[in-house]
Amino acid sequence: MYFLPAEDFSETQNLTNLHDVNFLTALELGSKLNFQIPGEIMIIAVEIVEDLEFSEDLSPALKKRYPEILSKVHKFLLEALMYQKSMTPAR
């Protein structure tokens, strides 16, 4: 499980057509179109073992670790919200 800032992403090496837009390009485009893009974006990623099998169900290994992953994500989000709240000026 990884917590990655948007800055860790780089340009893709395989842009083959206009429909192939990577994450950073999408953020840049949104900014140019005057969308409100957050100043900080954090991606929560879970590494997979097998990328050739598709299913609606979690793999047995992921299902076993799901409570731990959920707890880590919950803790991360609570800490982020508390930090954001502490940085917001009082009215």
C-alpha atoms as a PDB file:
ATOM      1  CA  MET A   1       0.000   0.000   0.000  1.00  0.00           C
ATOM      2  CA  TYR A   2       1.351   3.381  -0.991  1.00  0.00           C
ATOM      3  CA  PHE A   3       0.474   7.015  -0.379  1.00  0.00           C
ATOM      4  CA  LEU A   4       1.811   8.949  -3.373  1.00  0.00           C
ATOM      5  CA  PRO A   5       1.774  12.689  -4.043  1.00  0.00           C
ATOM      6  CA  ALA A   6       0.809  13.695  -7.583  1.00  0.00           C
ATOM      7  CA  GLU A   7       4.375  14.960  -8.124  1.00  0.00           C
ATOM      8  CA  ASP A   8       5.591  11.333  -8.049  1.00  0.00           C
ATOM      9  CA  PHE A   9       3.838  10.644 -11.344  1.00  0.00           C
ATOM     10  CA  SER A  10       5.680  11.294 -14.579  1.00  0.00           C
ATOM     11  CA  GLU A  11       4.739  11.602 -18.207  1.00  0.00           C
ATOM     12  CA  THR A  12       3.843   8.339 -19.869  1.00  0.00           C
ATOM     13  CA  GLN A  13       6.215   7.057 -22.517  1.00  0.00           C
ATOM     14  CA  ASN A  14       3.429   5.654 -24.686  1.00  0.00           C
ATOM     15  CA  LEU A  15       1.173   8.526 -25.700  1.00  0.00           C
ATOM     16  CA  THR A  16      -0.216   7.153 -28.941  1.00  0.00           C
ATOM     17  CA  ASN A  17      -3.364   9.206 -29.454  1.00  0.00           C
ATOM     18  CA  LEU A  18      -5.405  12.037 -27.960  1.00  0.00           C
ATOM     19  CA  HIS A  19      -7.416   9.587 -25.866  1.00  0.00           C
ATOM     20  CA  ASP A  20      -4.315   8.428 -23.971  1.00  0.00           C
ATOM     21  CA  VAL A  21      -3.997  11.093 -21.276  1.00  0.00           C
ATOM     22  CA  ASN A  22      -1.985  10.456 -18.154  1.00  0.00           C
ATOM     23  CA  PHE A  23      -2.737  11.774 -14.689  1.00  0.00           C
ATOM     24  CA  LEU A  24      -0.451  14.825 -14.820  1.00  0.00           C
ATOM     25  CA  THR A  25      -1.735  15.834 -18.256  1.00  0.00           C
ATOM     26  CA  ALA A  26      -5.320  15.608 -16.962  1.00  0.00           C
ATOM     27  CA  LEU A  27      -4.438  17.874 -14.010  1.00  0.00           C
ATOM     28  CA  GLU A  28      -2.718  20.375 -16.297  1.00  0.00           C
ATOM     29  CA  LEU A  29      -5.677  20.400 -18.684  1.00  0.00           C
ATOM     30  CA  GLY A  30      -8.115  20.892 -15.802  1.00  0.00           C
ATOM     31  CA  SER A  31      -6.055  23.831 -14.568  1.00  0.00           C
ATOM     32  CA  LYS A  32      -5.985  25.421 -18.042  1.00  0.00           C
ATOM     33  CA  LEU A  33      -9.777  25.019 -18.231  1.00  0.00           C
ATOM     34  CA  ASN A  34     -10.051  26.884 -14.892  1.00  0.00           C
ATOM     35  CA  PHE A  35     -11.227  23.886 -12.878  1.00  0.00           C
ATOM     36  CA  GLN A  36     -10.465  24.180  -9.190  1.00  0.00           C
ATOM     37  CA  ILE A  37      -7.557  21.762  -8.781  1.00  0.00           C
ATOM     38  CA  PRO A  38      -6.526  21.081  -5.163  1.00  0.00           C
ATOM     39  CA  GLY A  39      -3.092  22.346  -4.210  1.00  0.00           C
ATOM     40  CA  GLU A  40      -2.169  18.925  -2.893  1.00  0.00           C
ATOM     41  CA  ILE A  41      -3.359  15.601  -4.273  1.00  0.00           C
ATOM     42  CA  MET A  42      -2.486  12.282  -2.673  1.00  0.00           C
ATOM     43  CA  ILE A  43      -3.088   8.982  -4.441  1.00  0.00           C
ATOM     44  CA  ILE A  44      -3.748   5.937  -2.303  1.00  0.00           C
ATOM     45  CA  ALA A  45      -2.601   2.844  -4.182  1.00  0.00           C
ATOM     46  CA  VAL A  46      -2.677  -0.849  -3.393  1.00  0.00           C
ATOM     47  CA  GLU A  47      -0.140  -2.950  -5.255  1.00  0.00           C
ATOM     48  CA  ILE A  48      -1.522  -5.970  -7.055  1.00  0.00           C
ATOM     49  CA  VAL A  49       0.132  -9.338  -7.572  1.00  0.00           C
ATOM     50  CA  GLU A  50      -1.606 -10.412 -10.777  1.00  0.00           C
ATOM     51  CA  ASP A  51      -2.651  -7.948 -13.469  1.00  0.00           C
ATOM     52  CA  LEU A  52      -3.976 -10.415 -16.042  1.00  0.00           C
ATOM     53  CA  GLU A  53      -6.919 -11.707 -14.003  1.00  0.00           C
ATOM     54  CA  PHE A  54     -10.098  -9.661 -13.693  1.00  0.00           C
ATOM     55  CA  SER A  55     -12.834 -10.181 -11.148  1.00  0.00           C
ATOM     56  CA  GLU A  56     -15.438  -8.307  -9.157  1.00  0.00           C
ATOM     57  CA  ASP A  57     -14.041  -9.963  -6.034  1.00  0.00           C
ATOM     58  CA  LEU A  58     -10.876  -9.204  -4.140  1.00  0.00           C
ATOM     59  CA  SER A  59      -8.035 -11.681  -4.424  1.00  0.00           C
ATOM     60  CA  PRO A  60      -7.678 -13.966  -1.378  1.00  0.00           C
ATOM     61  CA  ALA A  61      -4.505 -12.113  -0.314  1.00  0.00           C
ATOM     62  CA  LEU A  62      -6.154  -8.705  -0.619  1.00  0.00           C
ATOM     63  CA  LYS A  63      -9.328  -9.900   1.101  1.00  0.00           C
ATOM     64  CA  LYS A  64      -7.189 -11.071   4.043  1.00  0.00           C
ATOM     65  CA  ARG A  65      -5.420  -7.693   4.311  1.00  0.00           C
ATOM     66  CA  TYR A  66      -8.509  -5.558   3.606  1.00  0.00           C
ATOM     67  CA  PRO A  67      -9.205  -4.668   7.291  1.00  0.00           C
ATOM     68  CA  GLU A  68      -5.591  -3.495   7.691  1.00  0.00           C
ATOM     69  CA  ILE A  69      -5.733  -1.459   4.466  1.00  0.00           C
ATOM     70  CA  LEU A  70      -9.073   0.076   5.440  1.00  0.00           C
ATOM     71  CA  SER A  71      -7.662   1.036   8.841  1.00  0.00           C
ATOM     72  CA  LYS A  72      -4.587   2.695   7.275  1.00  0.00           C
ATOM     73  CA  VAL A  73      -6.695   4.646   4.772  1.00  0.00           C
ATOM     74  CA  HIS A  74      -9.125   5.710   7.511  1.00  0.00           C
ATOM     75  CA  LYS A  75      -6.241   6.902   9.712  1.00  0.00           C
ATOM     76  CA  PHE A  76      -4.633   8.768   6.802  1.00  0.00           C
ATOM     77  CA  LEU A  77      -7.896  10.536   5.929  1.00  0.00           C
ATOM     78  CA  LEU A  78      -8.606  11.500   9.545  1.00  0.00           C
ATOM     79  CA  GLU A  79      -5.099  12.941   9.902  1.00  0.00           C
ATOM     80  CA  ALA A  80      -5.461  14.842   6.613  1.00  0.00           C
ATOM     81  CA  LEU A  81      -8.816  16.273   7.698  1.00  0.00           C
ATOM     82  CA  MET A  82      -7.447  17.287  11.089  1.00  0.00           C
ATOM     83  CA  TYR A  83      -4.447  18.941   9.419  1.00  0.00           C
ATOM     84  CA  GLN A  84      -6.698  20.775   6.987  1.00  0.00           C
ATOM     85  CA  LYS A  85      -8.935  21.911   9.822  1.00  0.00           C
ATOM     86  CA  SER A  86      -5.939  23.219  11.792  1.00  0.00           C
ATOM     87  CA  MET A  87      -4.764  25.195   8.738  1.00  0.00           C
ATOM     88  CA  THR A  88      -8.170  26.826   8.126  1.00  0.00           C
ATOM     89  CA  PRO A  89      -8.356  30.321   9.634  1.00  0.00           C
ATOM     90  CA  ALA A  90     -11.058  30.812  12.265  1.00  0.00           C
ATOM     91  CA  ARG A  91     -13.933  33.097  11.293  1.00  0.00           C
END
